[in-house]
Full PDB file with SEQRES, HELIX, SHEET, SSBOND, CRYST1, ORIGX, SCALE, CONECT and MASTER records, all heavy atoms in Angstrom:
SEQRES   1 A   44  ALA PRO ASP ASP LEU LEU PHE MET ALA GLN HIS THR GLU          
SEQRES   2 A   44  ARG LEU VAL ALA VAL HIS LEU ASN ASP ALA VAL LYS GLY          
SEQRES   3 A   44  VAL PRO VAL PRO GLU GLN ARG ASP MET GLN ARG ARG LEU          
SEQRES   4 A   44  PRO LEU GLU ASP GLY                                          
HELIX    1 AA1 ASP A    3  GLN A   10  1                                   8    
HELIX    2 AA2 THR A   12  ARG A   14  5                                   3    
HELIX    3 AA3 VAL A   29  GLU A   31  5                                   3    
CRYST1    1.000    1.000    1.000  90.00  90.00  90.00 P 1           1          
ORIGX1      1.000000  0.000000  0.000000        0.00000                         
ORIGX2      0.000000  1.000000  0.000000        0.00000                         
ORIGX3      0.000000  0.000000  1.000000        0.00000                         
SCALE1      1.000000  0.000000  0.000000        0.00000                         
SCALE2      0.000000  1.000000  0.000000        0.00000                         
SCALE3      0.000000  0.000000  1.000000        0.00000                         
ATOM      1  N   ALA A   1       0.889  -1.223  -0.020  1.00  0.00           N  
ATOM      2  CA  ALA A   1      -0.050  -0.027  -0.003  1.00  0.00           C  
ATOM      3  C   ALA A   1       0.837   1.238   0.016  1.00  0.00           C  
ATOM      4  O   ALA A   1       1.877   1.288   0.701  1.00  0.00           O  
ATOM      5  CB  ALA A   1      -0.943  -0.021   1.205  1.00  0.00           C  
ATOM      6  N   PRO A   2       0.475   2.316  -0.721  1.00  0.00           N  
ATOM      7  CA  PRO A   2       1.384   3.425  -0.964  1.00  0.00           C  
ATOM      8  C   PRO A   2       1.400   4.463   0.170  1.00  0.00           C  
ATOM      9  O   PRO A   2       2.200   5.431   0.132  1.00  0.00           O  
ATOM     10  CB  PRO A   2       0.790   4.041  -2.271  1.00  0.00           C  
ATOM     11  CG  PRO A   2      -0.644   3.738  -2.179  1.00  0.00           C  
ATOM     12  CD  PRO A   2      -0.737   2.363  -1.563  1.00  0.00           C  
ATOM     13  N   ASP A   3       0.575   4.329   1.204  1.00  0.00           N  
ATOM     14  CA  ASP A   3       0.437   5.369   2.200  1.00  0.00           C  
ATOM     15  C   ASP A   3       1.739   5.813   2.833  1.00  0.00           C  
ATOM     16  O   ASP A   3       2.066   7.026   2.915  1.00  0.00           O  
ATOM     17  CB  ASP A   3      -0.553   4.930   3.304  1.00  0.00           C  
ATOM     18  CG  ASP A   3      -1.816   4.510   2.806  1.00  0.00           C  
ATOM     19  OD1 ASP A   3      -1.944   3.640   1.898  1.00  0.00           O  
ATOM     20  OD2 ASP A   3      -2.824   5.034   3.227  1.00  0.00           O  
ATOM     21  N   ASP A   4       2.544   4.776   3.253  1.00  0.00           N  
ATOM     22  CA  ASP A   4       3.872   5.158   3.797  1.00  0.00           C  
ATOM     23  C   ASP A   4       4.786   5.857   2.807  1.00  0.00           C  
ATOM     24  O   ASP A   4       5.555   6.755   3.215  1.00  0.00           O  
ATOM     25  CB  ASP A   4       4.576   3.859   4.330  1.00  0.00           C  
ATOM     26  CG  ASP A   4       3.802   3.256   5.538  1.00  0.00           C  
ATOM     27  OD1 ASP A   4       2.909   3.907   6.012  1.00  0.00           O  
ATOM     28  OD2 ASP A   4       4.277   2.124   5.958  1.00  0.00           O  
ATOM     29  N   LEU A   5       4.701   5.469   1.604  1.00  0.00           N  
ATOM     30  CA  LEU A   5       5.630   6.158   0.647  1.00  0.00           C  
ATOM     31  C   LEU A   5       5.196   7.596   0.470  1.00  0.00           C  
ATOM     32  O   LEU A   5       5.995   8.501   0.324  1.00  0.00           O  
ATOM     33  CB  LEU A   5       5.420   5.428  -0.785  1.00  0.00           C  
ATOM     34  CG  LEU A   5       5.783   3.834  -0.731  1.00  0.00           C  
ATOM     35  CD1 LEU A   5       5.658   3.417  -2.130  1.00  0.00           C  
ATOM     36  CD2 LEU A   5       7.175   3.594  -0.203  1.00  0.00           C  
ATOM     37  N   LEU A   6       3.889   7.798   0.399  1.00  0.00           N  
ATOM     38  CA  LEU A   6       3.421   9.146   0.307  1.00  0.00           C  
ATOM     39  C   LEU A   6       3.859  10.025   1.429  1.00  0.00           C  
ATOM     40  O   LEU A   6       4.348  11.194   1.339  1.00  0.00           O  
ATOM     41  CB  LEU A   6       1.932   9.262   0.272  1.00  0.00           C  
ATOM     42  CG  LEU A   6       1.260   8.552  -1.071  1.00  0.00           C  
ATOM     43  CD1 LEU A   6      -0.266   8.404  -0.852  1.00  0.00           C  
ATOM     44  CD2 LEU A   6       1.656   9.303  -2.367  1.00  0.00           C  
ATOM     45  N   PHE A   7       3.821   9.458   2.677  1.00  0.00           N  
ATOM     46  CA  PHE A   7       4.171  10.134   3.884  1.00  0.00           C  
ATOM     47  C   PHE A   7       5.762  10.489   3.883  1.00  0.00           C  
ATOM     48  O   PHE A   7       6.137  11.599   4.062  1.00  0.00           O  
ATOM     49  CB  PHE A   7       3.916   9.377   5.126  1.00  0.00           C  
ATOM     50  CG  PHE A   7       4.353  10.064   6.361  1.00  0.00           C  
ATOM     51  CD1 PHE A   7       3.490  10.974   7.045  1.00  0.00           C  
ATOM     52  CD2 PHE A   7       5.622   9.781   6.960  1.00  0.00           C  
ATOM     53  CE1 PHE A   7       3.931  11.633   8.162  1.00  0.00           C  
ATOM     54  CE2 PHE A   7       6.093  10.438   8.018  1.00  0.00           C  
ATOM     55  CZ  PHE A   7       5.268  11.375   8.735  1.00  0.00           C  
ATOM     56  N   MET A   8       6.519   9.487   3.553  1.00  0.00           N  
ATOM     57  CA  MET A   8       8.040   9.718   3.573  1.00  0.00           C  
ATOM     58  C   MET A   8       8.486  10.587   2.565  1.00  0.00           C  
ATOM     59  O   MET A   8       9.388  11.400   2.687  1.00  0.00           O  
ATOM     60  CB  MET A   8       8.753   8.327   3.540  1.00  0.00           C  
ATOM     61  CG  MET A   8       8.587   7.417   4.717  1.00  0.00           C  
ATOM     62  SD  MET A   8       9.008   8.192   6.362  1.00  0.00           S  
ATOM     63  CE  MET A   8      10.477   8.991   6.061  1.00  0.00           C  
ATOM     64  N   ALA A   9       7.789  10.536   1.400  1.00  0.00           N  
ATOM     65  CA  ALA A   9       8.181  11.567   0.292  1.00  0.00           C  
ATOM     66  C   ALA A   9       7.940  12.950   0.682  1.00  0.00           C  
ATOM     67  O   ALA A   9       8.594  13.861   0.204  1.00  0.00           O  
ATOM     68  CB  ALA A   9       7.446  11.130  -0.965  1.00  0.00           C  
ATOM     69  N   GLN A  10       6.954  13.114   1.579  1.00  0.00           N  
ATOM     70  CA  GLN A  10       6.706  14.552   2.035  1.00  0.00           C  
ATOM     71  C   GLN A  10       7.512  14.853   3.237  1.00  0.00           C  
ATOM     72  O   GLN A  10       7.420  16.070   3.752  1.00  0.00           O  
ATOM     73  CB  GLN A  10       5.178  14.674   2.405  1.00  0.00           C  
ATOM     74  CG  GLN A  10       4.218  14.413   1.211  1.00  0.00           C  
ATOM     75  CD  GLN A  10       4.524  15.535   0.112  1.00  0.00           C  
ATOM     76  OE1 GLN A  10       4.707  16.688   0.461  1.00  0.00           O  
ATOM     77  NE2 GLN A  10       4.609  15.160  -1.120  1.00  0.00           N  
ATOM     78  N   HIS A  11       8.154  13.872   3.875  1.00  0.00           N  
ATOM     79  CA  HIS A  11       8.861  14.145   5.094  1.00  0.00           C  
ATOM     80  C   HIS A  11      10.302  13.539   5.012  1.00  0.00           C  
ATOM     81  O   HIS A  11      10.809  12.833   5.946  1.00  0.00           O  
ATOM     82  CB  HIS A  11       8.166  13.492   6.318  1.00  0.00           C  
ATOM     83  CG  HIS A  11       6.840  14.181   6.555  1.00  0.00           C  
ATOM     84  ND1 HIS A  11       6.639  15.339   7.272  1.00  0.00           N  
ATOM     85  CD2 HIS A  11       5.646  13.801   6.198  1.00  0.00           C  
ATOM     86  CE1 HIS A  11       5.378  15.599   7.272  1.00  0.00           C  
ATOM     87  NE2 HIS A  11       4.783  14.716   6.589  1.00  0.00           N  
ATOM     88  N   THR A  12      11.021  13.789   3.952  1.00  0.00           N  
ATOM     89  CA  THR A  12      12.298  13.171   3.717  1.00  0.00           C  
ATOM     90  C   THR A  12      13.322  13.716   4.665  1.00  0.00           C  
ATOM     91  O   THR A  12      14.343  13.061   4.828  1.00  0.00           O  
ATOM     92  CB  THR A  12      12.817  13.536   2.290  1.00  0.00           C  
ATOM     93  OG1 THR A  12      12.802  14.867   2.076  1.00  0.00           O  
ATOM     94  CG2 THR A  12      11.888  12.704   1.239  1.00  0.00           C  
ATOM     95  N   GLU A  13      13.012  14.766   5.438  1.00  0.00           N  
ATOM     96  CA  GLU A  13      14.005  15.176   6.456  1.00  0.00           C  
ATOM     97  C   GLU A  13      14.130  14.197   7.583  1.00  0.00           C  
ATOM     98  O   GLU A  13      15.077  14.221   8.368  1.00  0.00           O  
ATOM     99  CB  GLU A  13      13.588  16.653   7.022  1.00  0.00           C  
ATOM    100  CG  GLU A  13      12.364  16.621   7.934  1.00  0.00           C  
ATOM    101  CD  GLU A  13      10.976  16.380   7.345  1.00  0.00           C  
ATOM    102  OE1 GLU A  13      10.929  16.395   6.064  1.00  0.00           O  
ATOM    103  OE2 GLU A  13       9.955  16.213   8.046  1.00  0.00           O  
ATOM    104  N   ARG A  14      13.141  13.268   7.598  1.00  0.00           N  
ATOM    105  CA  ARG A  14      13.220  12.232   8.699  1.00  0.00           C  
ATOM    106  C   ARG A  14      13.973  10.913   8.182  1.00  0.00           C  
ATOM    107  O   ARG A  14      14.150  10.043   9.012  1.00  0.00           O  
ATOM    108  CB  ARG A  14      11.832  11.906   9.224  1.00  0.00           C  
ATOM    109  CG  ARG A  14      11.106  13.169   9.760  1.00  0.00           C  
ATOM    110  CD  ARG A  14      10.017  12.792  10.745  1.00  0.00           C  
ATOM    111  NE  ARG A  14      10.649  12.183  12.000  1.00  0.00           N  
ATOM    112  CZ  ARG A  14       9.822  12.072  13.065  1.00  0.00           C  
ATOM    113  NH1 ARG A  14       8.547  12.424  13.102  1.00  0.00           N  
ATOM    114  NH2 ARG A  14      10.357  11.501  14.183  1.00  0.00           N  
ATOM    115  N   LEU A  15      14.154  10.882   6.889  1.00  0.00           N  
ATOM    116  CA  LEU A  15      14.877   9.730   6.389  1.00  0.00           C  
ATOM    117  C   LEU A  15      16.355   9.721   6.843  1.00  0.00           C  
ATOM    118  O   LEU A  15      17.090  10.780   6.561  1.00  0.00           O  
ATOM    119  CB  LEU A  15      14.826   9.602   4.788  1.00  0.00           C  
ATOM    120  CG  LEU A  15      13.637   9.009   4.216  1.00  0.00           C  
ATOM    121  CD1 LEU A  15      13.696   9.216   2.687  1.00  0.00           C  
ATOM    122  CD2 LEU A  15      13.494   7.560   4.548  1.00  0.00           C  
ATOM    123  N   VAL A  16      16.849   8.625   7.352  1.00  0.00           N  
ATOM    124  CA  VAL A  16      18.230   8.427   7.725  1.00  0.00           C  
ATOM    125  C   VAL A  16      18.871   7.583   6.826  1.00  0.00           C  
ATOM    126  O   VAL A  16      20.018   7.710   6.378  1.00  0.00           O  
ATOM    127  CB  VAL A  16      18.358   8.036   9.212  1.00  0.00           C  
ATOM    128  CG1 VAL A  16      19.782   7.758   9.534  1.00  0.00           C  
ATOM    129  CG2 VAL A  16      17.731   9.119  10.059  1.00  0.00           C  
ATOM    130  N   ALA A  17      18.233   6.435   6.500  1.00  0.00           N  
ATOM    131  CA  ALA A  17      18.804   5.376   5.644  1.00  0.00           C  
ATOM    132  C   ALA A  17      17.671   4.642   4.906  1.00  0.00           C  
ATOM    133  O   ALA A  17      16.526   4.594   5.434  1.00  0.00           O  
ATOM    134  CB  ALA A  17      19.593   4.292   6.407  1.00  0.00           C  
ATOM    135  N   VAL A  18      17.924   4.212   3.709  1.00  0.00           N  
ATOM    136  CA  VAL A  18      16.946   3.448   2.879  1.00  0.00           C  
ATOM    137  C   VAL A  18      17.588   2.149   2.471  1.00  0.00           C  
ATOM    138  O   VAL A  18      18.661   2.188   1.820  1.00  0.00           O  
ATOM    139  CB  VAL A  18      16.518   4.204   1.719  1.00  0.00           C  
ATOM    140  CG1 VAL A  18      15.548   3.395   0.920  1.00  0.00           C  
ATOM    141  CG2 VAL A  18      15.861   5.497   2.145  1.00  0.00           C  
ATOM    142  N   HIS A  19      17.021   0.979   2.776  1.00  0.00           N  
ATOM    143  CA  HIS A  19      17.494  -0.330   2.441  1.00  0.00           C  
ATOM    144  C   HIS A  19      16.647  -0.802   1.244  1.00  0.00           C  
ATOM    145  O   HIS A  19      15.418  -0.959   1.322  1.00  0.00           O  
ATOM    146  CB  HIS A  19      17.372  -1.287   3.583  1.00  0.00           C  
ATOM    147  CG  HIS A  19      18.067  -0.973   4.848  1.00  0.00           C  
ATOM    148  ND1 HIS A  19      17.813  -1.473   6.122  1.00  0.00           N  
ATOM    149  CD2 HIS A  19      19.026   0.041   5.054  1.00  0.00           C  
ATOM    150  CE1 HIS A  19      18.544  -0.939   7.001  1.00  0.00           C  
ATOM    151  NE2 HIS A  19      19.329   0.009   6.400  1.00  0.00           N  
ATOM    152  N   LEU A  20      17.413  -1.060   0.146  1.00  0.00           N  
ATOM    153  CA  LEU A  20      16.701  -1.490  -1.091  1.00  0.00           C  
ATOM    154  C   LEU A  20      16.801  -2.905  -1.351  1.00  0.00           C  
ATOM    155  O   LEU A  20      17.885  -3.491  -1.353  1.00  0.00           O  
ATOM    156  CB  LEU A  20      17.315  -0.639  -2.288  1.00  0.00           C  
ATOM    157  CG  LEU A  20      17.297   0.892  -2.156  1.00  0.00           C  
ATOM    158  CD1 LEU A  20      18.120   1.572  -3.031  1.00  0.00           C  
ATOM    159  CD2 LEU A  20      15.818   1.383  -2.228  1.00  0.00           C  
ATOM    160  N   ASN A  21      15.662  -3.528  -1.627  1.00  0.00           N  
ATOM    161  CA  ASN A  21      15.646  -5.026  -1.906  1.00  0.00           C  
ATOM    162  C   ASN A  21      14.296  -5.378  -2.521  1.00  0.00           C  
ATOM    163  O   ASN A  21      13.541  -4.522  -2.846  1.00  0.00           O  
ATOM    164  CB  ASN A  21      15.821  -5.736  -0.482  1.00  0.00           C  
ATOM    165  CG  ASN A  21      15.111  -5.067   0.631  1.00  0.00           C  
ATOM    166  OD1 ASN A  21      13.953  -4.709   0.526  1.00  0.00           O  
ATOM    167  ND2 ASN A  21      15.827  -4.897   1.720  1.00  0.00           N  
ATOM    168  N   ASP A  22      14.132  -6.627  -2.790  1.00  0.00           N  
ATOM    169  CA  ASP A  22      12.856  -7.168  -3.364  1.00  0.00           C  
ATOM    170  C   ASP A  22      12.344  -8.293  -2.642  1.00  0.00           C  
ATOM    171  O   ASP A  22      13.117  -9.036  -1.948  1.00  0.00           O  
ATOM    172  CB  ASP A  22      13.137  -7.547  -4.765  1.00  0.00           C  
ATOM    173  CG  ASP A  22      11.952  -7.590  -5.716  1.00  0.00           C  
ATOM    174  OD1 ASP A  22      10.876  -7.355  -5.223  1.00  0.00           O  
ATOM    175  OD2 ASP A  22      12.110  -7.795  -7.002  1.00  0.00           O  
ATOM    176  N   ALA A  23      10.991  -8.482  -2.648  1.00  0.00           N  
ATOM    177  CA  ALA A  23      10.391  -9.758  -2.066  1.00  0.00           C  
ATOM    178  C   ALA A  23      10.482 -10.851  -3.084  1.00  0.00           C  
ATOM    179  O   ALA A  23      10.900 -10.684  -4.222  1.00  0.00           O  
ATOM    180  CB  ALA A  23       9.004  -9.410  -1.705  1.00  0.00           C  
ATOM    181  N   VAL A  24      10.118 -12.067  -2.587  1.00  0.00           N  
ATOM    182  CA  VAL A  24      10.172 -13.267  -3.418  1.00  0.00           C  
ATOM    183  C   VAL A  24       8.914 -13.473  -4.216  1.00  0.00           C  
ATOM    184  O   VAL A  24       7.787 -13.492  -3.663  1.00  0.00           O  
ATOM    185  CB  VAL A  24      10.500 -14.539  -2.544  1.00  0.00           C  
ATOM    186  CG1 VAL A  24      10.598 -15.704  -3.354  1.00  0.00           C  
ATOM    187  CG2 VAL A  24      11.726 -14.344  -1.784  1.00  0.00           C  
ATOM    188  N   LYS A  25       9.040 -13.538  -5.484  1.00  0.00           N  
ATOM    189  CA  LYS A  25       7.912 -13.700  -6.409  1.00  0.00           C  
ATOM    190  C   LYS A  25       7.153 -14.959  -6.068  1.00  0.00           C  
ATOM    191  O   LYS A  25       7.675 -16.007  -5.836  1.00  0.00           O  
ATOM    192  CB  LYS A  25       8.392 -13.671  -7.839  1.00  0.00           C  
ATOM    193  CG  LYS A  25       7.301 -13.681  -8.820  1.00  0.00           C  
ATOM    194  CD  LYS A  25       7.827 -13.515 -10.280  1.00  0.00           C  
ATOM    195  CE  LYS A  25       6.780 -13.454 -11.303  1.00  0.00           C  
ATOM    196  NZ  LYS A  25       7.353 -13.355 -12.648  1.00  0.00           N  
ATOM    197  N   GLY A  26       5.753 -14.860  -6.100  1.00  0.00           N  
ATOM    198  CA  GLY A  26       4.944 -16.045  -5.888  1.00  0.00           C  
ATOM    199  C   GLY A  26       4.739 -16.378  -4.469  1.00  0.00           C  
ATOM    200  O   GLY A  26       3.935 -17.343  -4.159  1.00  0.00           O  
ATOM    201  N   VAL A  27       5.299 -15.686  -3.487  1.00  0.00           N  
ATOM    202  CA  VAL A  27       5.108 -16.012  -2.126  1.00  0.00           C  
ATOM    203  C   VAL A  27       4.141 -14.965  -1.502  1.00  0.00           C  
ATOM    204  O   VAL A  27       4.404 -13.724  -1.541  1.00  0.00           O  
ATOM    205  CB  VAL A  27       6.443 -15.890  -1.377  1.00  0.00           C  
ATOM    206  CG1 VAL A  27       6.178 -16.185   0.143  1.00  0.00           C  
ATOM    207  CG2 VAL A  27       7.394 -16.998  -1.910  1.00  0.00           C  
ATOM    208  N   PRO A  28       2.997 -15.364  -0.876  1.00  0.00           N  
ATOM    209  CA  PRO A  28       2.067 -14.457  -0.398  1.00  0.00           C  
ATOM    210  C   PRO A  28       2.768 -13.626   0.755  1.00  0.00           C  
ATOM    211  O   PRO A  28       3.660 -14.060   1.424  1.00  0.00           O  
ATOM    212  CB  PRO A  28       0.978 -15.291   0.270  1.00  0.00           C  
ATOM    213  CG  PRO A  28       1.083 -16.627  -0.568  1.00  0.00           C  
ATOM    214  CD  PRO A  28       2.512 -16.750  -0.894  1.00  0.00           C  
ATOM    215  N   VAL A  29       2.237 -12.440   0.982  1.00  0.00           N  
ATOM    216  CA  VAL A  29       2.808 -11.495   1.961  1.00  0.00           C  
ATOM    217  C   VAL A  29       3.022 -12.200   3.289  1.00  0.00           C  
ATOM    218  O   VAL A  29       4.135 -12.155   3.946  1.00  0.00           O  
ATOM    219  CB  VAL A  29       1.942 -10.162   2.018  1.00  0.00           C  
ATOM    220  CG1 VAL A  29       2.438  -9.341   3.213  1.00  0.00           C  
ATOM    221  CG2 VAL A  29       2.062  -9.399   0.796  1.00  0.00           C  
ATOM    222  N   PRO A  30       1.960 -12.885   3.832  1.00  0.00           N  
ATOM    223  CA  PRO A  30       2.142 -13.487   5.154  1.00  0.00           C  
ATOM    224  C   PRO A  30       3.196 -14.555   5.217  1.00  0.00           C  
ATOM    225  O   PRO A  30       3.661 -14.946   6.304  1.00  0.00           O  
ATOM    226  CB  PRO A  30       0.746 -14.068   5.496  1.00  0.00           C  
ATOM    227  CG  PRO A  30      -0.214 -13.330   4.603  1.00  0.00           C  
ATOM    228  CD  PRO A  30       0.597 -13.050   3.344  1.00  0.00           C  
ATOM    229  N   GLU A  31       3.613 -15.057   4.072  1.00  0.00           N  
ATOM    230  CA  GLU A  31       4.579 -16.149   4.012  1.00  0.00           C  
ATOM    231  C   GLU A  31       5.985 -15.683   3.614  1.00  0.00           C  
ATOM    232  O   GLU A  31       6.919 -16.521   3.558  1.00  0.00           O  
ATOM    233  CB  GLU A  31       4.115 -17.273   3.068  1.00  0.00           C  
ATOM    234  CG  GLU A  31       2.875 -17.853   3.532  1.00  0.00           C  
ATOM    235  CD  GLU A  31       2.301 -18.935   2.516  1.00  0.00           C  
ATOM    236  OE1 GLU A  31       3.086 -19.411   1.659  1.00  0.00           O  
ATOM    237  OE2 GLU A  31       1.018 -19.147   2.502  1.00  0.00           O  
ATOM    238  N   GLN A  32       6.217 -14.422   3.431  1.00  0.00           N  
ATOM    239  CA  GLN A  32       7.556 -13.913   3.153  1.00  0.00           C  
ATOM    240  C   GLN A  32       8.406 -14.053   4.362  1.00  0.00           C  
ATOM    241  O   GLN A  32       7.996 -13.839   5.517  1.00  0.00           O  
ATOM    242  CB  GLN A  32       7.488 -12.387   2.701  1.00  0.00           C  
ATOM    243  CG  GLN A  32       6.684 -12.101   1.481  1.00  0.00           C  
ATOM    244  CD  GLN A  32       7.613 -12.443   0.199  1.00  0.00           C  
ATOM    245  OE1 GLN A  32       8.855 -12.509   0.279  1.00  0.00           O  
ATOM    246  NE2 GLN A  32       6.931 -12.594  -0.954  1.00  0.00           N  
ATOM    247  N   ARG A  33       9.707 -14.507   4.092  1.00  0.00           N  
ATOM    248  CA  ARG A  33      10.619 -14.664   5.243  1.00  0.00           C  
ATOM    249  C   ARG A  33      11.674 -13.704   5.298  1.00  0.00           C  
ATOM    250  O   ARG A  33      12.238 -13.313   4.264  1.00  0.00           O  
ATOM    251  CB  ARG A  33      11.202 -16.148   5.050  1.00  0.00           C  
ATOM    252  CG  ARG A  33      10.172 -17.261   5.136  1.00  0.00           C  
ATOM    253  CD  ARG A  33       9.627 -17.321   6.682  1.00  0.00           C  
ATOM    254  NE  ARG A  33       8.644 -18.332   6.806  1.00  0.00           N  
ATOM    255  CZ  ARG A  33       7.321 -18.117   6.726  1.00  0.00           C  
ATOM    256  NH1 ARG A  33       6.890 -16.926   6.661  1.00  0.00           N  
ATOM    257  NH2 ARG A  33       6.445 -19.102   6.949  1.00  0.00           N  
ATOM    258  N   ASP A  34      12.006 -13.186   6.541  1.00  0.00           N  
ATOM    259  CA  ASP A  34      12.909 -12.112   6.677  1.00  0.00           C  
ATOM    260  C   ASP A  34      14.312 -12.308   6.123  1.00  0.00           C  
ATOM    261  O   ASP A  34      14.889 -11.422   5.440  1.00  0.00           O  
ATOM    262  CB  ASP A  34      13.078 -11.933   8.160  1.00  0.00           C  
ATOM    263  CG  ASP A  34      13.873 -10.669   8.529  1.00  0.00           C  
ATOM    264  OD1 ASP A  34      13.632  -9.520   7.886  1.00  0.00           O  
ATOM    265  OD2 ASP A  34      14.820 -10.777   9.352  1.00  0.00           O  
ATOM    266  N   MET A  35      14.766 -13.511   6.165  1.00  0.00           N  
ATOM    267  CA  MET A  35      16.167 -13.856   5.640  1.00  0.00           C  
ATOM    268  C   MET A  35      16.145 -14.137   4.166  1.00  0.00           C  
ATOM    269  O   MET A  35      17.220 -14.483   3.601  1.00  0.00           O  
ATOM    270  CB  MET A  35      16.767 -14.925   6.421  1.00  0.00           C  
ATOM    271  CG  MET A  35      16.945 -14.477   7.872  1.00  0.00           C  
ATOM    272  SD  MET A  35      17.853 -13.053   8.281  1.00  0.00           S  
ATOM    273  CE  MET A  35      19.507 -13.596   7.787  1.00  0.00           C  
ATOM    274  N   GLN A  36      15.018 -14.251   3.596  1.00  0.00           N  
ATOM    275  CA  GLN A  36      14.884 -14.608   2.125  1.00  0.00           C  
ATOM    276  C   GLN A  36      14.389 -13.434   1.358  1.00  0.00           C  
ATOM    277  O   GLN A  36      13.269 -13.047   1.301  1.00  0.00           O  
ATOM    278  CB  GLN A  36      14.031 -15.812   1.879  1.00  0.00           C  
ATOM    279  CG  GLN A  36      14.495 -17.135   2.507  1.00  0.00           C  
ATOM    280  CD  GLN A  36      15.730 -17.587   1.892  1.00  0.00           C  
ATOM    281  OE1 GLN A  36      15.913 -17.595   0.638  1.00  0.00           O  
ATOM    282  NE2 GLN A  36      16.636 -18.112   2.669  1.00  0.00           N  
ATOM    283  N   ARG A  37      15.359 -12.693   0.736  1.00  0.00           N  
ATOM    284  CA  ARG A  37      14.971 -11.465   0.077  1.00  0.00           C  
ATOM    285  C   ARG A  37      15.722 -11.547  -1.294  1.00  0.00           C  
ATOM    286  O   ARG A  37      16.687 -12.243  -1.471  1.00  0.00           O  
ATOM    287  CB  ARG A  37      15.383 -10.236   0.730  1.00  0.00           C  
ATOM    288  CG  ARG A  37      14.856 -10.127   2.205  1.00  0.00           C  
ATOM    289  CD  ARG A  37      15.151  -8.810   2.859  1.00  0.00           C  
ATOM    290  NE  ARG A  37      15.008  -8.865   4.314  1.00  0.00           N  
ATOM    291  CZ  ARG A  37      15.398  -7.828   5.039  1.00  0.00           C  
ATOM    292  NH1 ARG A  37      15.707  -6.751   4.567  1.00  0.00           N  
ATOM    293  NH2 ARG A  37      15.249  -8.024   6.364  1.00  0.00           N  
ATOM    294  N   ARG A  38      15.427 -10.634  -2.223  1.00  0.00           N  
ATOM    295  CA  ARG A  38      16.026 -10.538  -3.466  1.00  0.00           C  
ATOM    296  C   ARG A  38      16.745  -9.214  -3.620  1.00  0.00           C  
ATOM    297  O   ARG A  38      16.382  -8.223  -2.934  1.00  0.00           O  
ATOM    298  CB  ARG A  38      14.980 -10.903  -4.623  1.00  0.00           C  
ATOM    299  CG  ARG A  38      14.316 -12.209  -4.610  1.00  0.00           C  
ATOM    300  CD  ARG A  38      15.335 -13.285  -4.885  1.00  0.00           C  
ATOM    301  NE  ARG A  38      14.681 -14.635  -4.868  1.00  0.00           N  
ATOM    302  CZ  ARG A  38      14.584 -15.447  -3.935  1.00  0.00           C  
ATOM    303  NH1 ARG A  38      15.348 -15.172  -2.765  1.00  0.00           N  
ATOM    304  NH2 ARG A  38      13.965 -16.583  -4.001  1.00  0.00           N  
ATOM    305  N   LEU A  39      17.609  -9.139  -4.598  1.00  0.00           N  
ATOM    306  CA  LEU A  39      18.232  -7.882  -4.995  1.00  0.00           C  
ATOM    307  C   LEU A  39      17.157  -6.990  -5.528  1.00  0.00           C  
ATOM    308  O   LEU A  39      16.129  -7.447  -6.137  1.00  0.00           O  
ATOM    309  CB  LEU A  39      19.279  -8.184  -6.040  1.00  0.00           C  
ATOM    310  CG  LEU A  39      20.572  -8.902  -5.566  1.00  0.00           C  
ATOM    311  CD1 LEU A  39      21.372  -9.474  -6.729  1.00  0.00           C  
ATOM    312  CD2 LEU A  39      21.383  -8.020  -4.579  1.00  0.00           C  
ATOM    313  N   PRO A  40      17.328  -5.690  -5.402  1.00  0.00           N  
ATOM    314  CA  PRO A  40      16.391  -4.697  -5.924  1.00  0.00           C  
ATOM    315  C   PRO A  40      16.041  -5.003  -7.426  1.00  0.00           C  
ATOM    316  O   PRO A  40      16.809  -5.211  -8.188  1.00  0.00           O  
ATOM    317  CB  PRO A  40      17.059  -3.359  -5.763  1.00  0.00           C  
ATOM    318  CG  PRO A  40      17.999  -3.541  -4.640  1.00  0.00           C  
ATOM    319  CD  PRO A  40      18.499  -4.964  -4.821  1.00  0.00           C  
ATOM    320  N   LEU A  41      14.782  -5.090  -7.692  1.00  0.00           N  
ATOM    321  CA  LEU A  41      14.198  -5.180  -9.036  1.00  0.00           C  
ATOM    322  C   LEU A  41      14.379  -6.635  -9.512  1.00  0.00           C  
ATOM    323  O   LEU A  41      13.906  -6.920 -10.653  1.00  0.00           O  
ATOM    324  CB  LEU A  41      14.758  -4.260 -10.091  1.00  0.00           C  
ATOM    325  CG  LEU A  41      14.640  -2.782  -9.701  1.00  0.00           C  
ATOM    326  CD1 LEU A  41      15.364  -1.911 -10.751  1.00  0.00           C  
ATOM    327  CD2 LEU A  41      13.172  -2.357  -9.607  1.00  0.00           C  
ATOM    328  N   GLU A  42      14.874  -7.585  -8.772  1.00  0.00           N  
ATOM    329  CA  GLU A  42      15.203  -8.865  -9.256  1.00  0.00           C  
ATOM    330  C   GLU A  42      13.991  -9.741  -9.596  1.00  0.00           C  
ATOM    331  O   GLU A  42      13.890 -10.303 -10.724  1.00  0.00           O  
ATOM    332  CB  GLU A  42      16.088  -9.695  -8.238  1.00  0.00           C  
ATOM    333  CG  GLU A  42      16.454 -11.071  -8.743  1.00  0.00           C  
ATOM    334  CD  GLU A  42      17.405 -11.783  -7.728  1.00  0.00           C  
ATOM    335  OE1 GLU A  42      17.809 -11.126  -6.658  1.00  0.00           O  
ATOM    336  OE2 GLU A  42      17.750 -12.992  -7.862  1.00  0.00           O  
ATOM    337  N   ASP A  43      13.046  -9.731  -8.719  1.00  0.00           N  
ATOM    338  CA  ASP A  43      11.750 -10.457  -9.008  1.00  0.00           C  
ATOM    339  C   ASP A  43      10.613  -9.572  -9.359  1.00  0.00           C  
ATOM    340  O   ASP A  43       9.575 -10.111  -9.747  1.00  0.00           O  
ATOM    341  CB  ASP A  43      11.403 -11.233  -7.730  1.00  0.00           C  
ATOM    342  CG  ASP A  43      12.122 -12.631  -7.627  1.00  0.00           C  
ATOM    343  OD1 ASP A  43      13.073 -12.827  -8.275  1.00  0.00           O  
ATOM    344  OD2 ASP A  43      11.624 -13.459  -6.777  1.00  0.00           O  
ATOM    345  N   GLY A  44      10.739  -8.295  -9.245  1.00  0.00           N  
ATOM    346  CA  GLY A  44       9.732  -7.336  -9.668  1.00  0.00           C  
ATOM    347  C   GLY A  44       8.511  -7.288  -8.794  1.00  0.00           C  
ATOM    348  O   GLY A  44       7.447  -6.836  -9.256  1.00  0.00           O  
TER     349      GLY A  44                                                      
MASTER        0    0    0    3    0    0    0    6  348    1    0    4          
END                                                                             
């Protein structure tokens, strides 16, 4: 959902760091695993 993105884009003075990565394609959100991620844009 885009709400957080809209907020942070309007309050970039509060951004300290941004970690860029991708989730695993075909895995529902509740089943995504913290240690299993993809490189940014890898799975889309």
